Amino acid sequence: MEDWKDGVDPELFNADLRPQDDVVLVGDIEAINPRGGKLTLKKGSFFKVRMLGGILFCRPKGGGKHDEIAVLPADFRNVQFLQLKVVPME
C-alpha cells in the first residue's frame, strides 16, 4: 500500500476554519456523516476545513458545526487549498 501522506499538503494539518482554510475537492471522497452513515463528496465541491484528532472536518460554505462531514486520512490527497493569485495589471 502506498503511503497515504504522498501528495498531501502539510498545511492541511494546521487547518482550523481560518479564512485561508478554504478547500476544493480534486476527487470524489467517501466521507462519514457524524450523524450516521456515509456520503460521497463530489469533485469540485468547496468547503471550510479544520483538523481535529487526525480527522479532517469539512464544513459546507454557510454551514455550521452541525453540518460538518468527517474525512479520513486516506482521502486527504483529494483535498486542495484554494489559492487566490494576484494578477498584476498593466
Protein backbone atom coordinates (compact mmCIF):
# COMPACT_ATOMS: atom_id res chain seq x y z
CA MET A 1 0.00 0.00 0.00
CA GLU A 2 1.34 3.45 -0.86
CA ASP A 3 1.95 5.96 1.90
CA TRP A 4 -1.27 7.93 2.48
CA LYS A 5 0.76 11.12 3.07
CA ASP A 6 2.05 11.20 -0.52
CA GLY A 7 0.55 14.22 -2.25
CA VAL A 8 -0.94 15.71 0.94
CA ASP A 9 -0.34 19.40 1.66
CA PRO A 10 1.33 19.53 5.14
CA GLU A 11 -0.54 22.77 5.90
CA LEU A 12 -3.74 20.70 5.98
CA PHE A 13 -2.76 19.51 9.47
CA ASN A 14 -2.92 23.13 10.75
CA ALA A 15 -6.39 23.87 9.33
CA ASP A 16 -8.79 25.49 11.80
CA LEU A 17 -11.62 27.19 9.85
CA ARG A 18 -9.49 30.28 9.18
CA PRO A 19 -10.18 32.36 6.06
CA GLN A 20 -7.24 30.67 4.32
CA ASP A 21 -8.64 27.22 5.17
CA ASP A 22 -10.98 27.07 2.18
CA VAL A 23 -10.51 23.94 0.11
CA VAL A 24 -11.75 22.37 -3.10
CA LEU A 25 -12.02 18.62 -3.67
CA VAL A 26 -9.95 17.35 -6.59
CA GLY A 27 -11.52 13.90 -6.46
CA ASP A 28 -14.65 12.23 -5.08
CA ILE A 29 -14.41 11.30 -1.39
CA GLU A 30 -16.38 8.73 0.57
CA ALA A 31 -16.90 10.67 3.82
CA ILE A 32 -18.51 9.95 7.17
CA ASN A 33 -21.59 11.87 8.24
CA PRO A 34 -21.21 12.34 12.04
CA ARG A 35 -24.98 11.92 12.37
CA GLY A 36 -24.62 8.43 10.93
CA GLY A 37 -23.88 6.85 7.60
CA LYS A 38 -21.60 7.74 4.72
CA LEU A 39 -21.93 10.09 1.81
CA THR A 40 -19.95 10.95 -1.28
CA LEU A 41 -18.43 14.41 -1.54
CA LYS A 42 -18.17 15.30 -5.22
CA LYS A 43 -15.11 16.56 -7.03
CA GLY A 44 -15.23 20.36 -7.37
CA SER A 45 -17.07 20.94 -4.06
CA PHE A 46 -15.88 23.76 -1.79
CA PHE A 47 -15.57 23.59 2.00
CA LYS A 48 -14.03 25.26 5.03
CA VAL A 49 -11.96 22.74 6.99
CA ARG A 50 -10.45 22.08 10.40
CA MET A 51 -8.23 19.25 11.62
CA LEU A 52 -9.15 17.58 14.88
CA GLY A 53 -7.56 14.38 16.15
CA GLY A 54 -6.16 13.44 12.75
CA ILE A 55 -9.56 13.67 11.05
CA LEU A 56 -10.42 16.48 8.65
CA PHE A 57 -13.82 18.05 9.24
CA CYS A 58 -15.33 19.74 6.18
CA ARG A 59 -17.96 22.40 6.68
CA PRO A 60 -20.03 23.42 3.65
CA LYS A 61 -19.91 27.13 2.81
CA GLY A 62 -22.51 28.83 5.00
CA GLY A 63 -22.91 25.73 7.18
CA GLY A 64 -22.46 25.44 10.93
CA LYS A 65 -20.67 22.97 13.17
CA HIS A 66 -23.63 20.58 12.95
CA ASP A 67 -23.14 20.33 9.18
CA GLU A 68 -19.53 19.07 9.34
CA ILE A 69 -18.54 15.94 7.47
CA ALA A 70 -15.54 13.82 8.52
CA VAL A 71 -12.82 12.88 6.02
CA LEU A 72 -10.33 10.14 6.92
CA PRO A 73 -6.57 10.40 6.18
CA ALA A 74 -6.70 8.05 3.18
CA ASP A 75 -8.64 10.74 1.27
CA PHE A 76 -6.55 13.78 2.28
CA ARG A 77 -4.79 13.80 -1.12
CA ASN A 78 -8.14 14.69 -2.72
CA VAL A 79 -8.31 17.95 -0.74
CA GLN A 80 -6.54 21.03 -2.07
CA PHE A 81 -6.36 24.54 -0.63
CA LEU A 82 -7.84 27.30 -2.74
CA GLN A 83 -5.09 29.68 -3.73
CA LEU A 84 -6.04 33.10 -4.90
CA LYS A 85 -3.44 34.58 -7.18
CA VAL A 86 -2.92 38.26 -7.75
CA VAL A 87 -2.56 39.11 -11.41
CA PRO A 88 -0.64 42.36 -11.98
CA MET A 89 -2.46 45.00 -14.02
CA GLU A 90 -0.51 46.57 -16.83
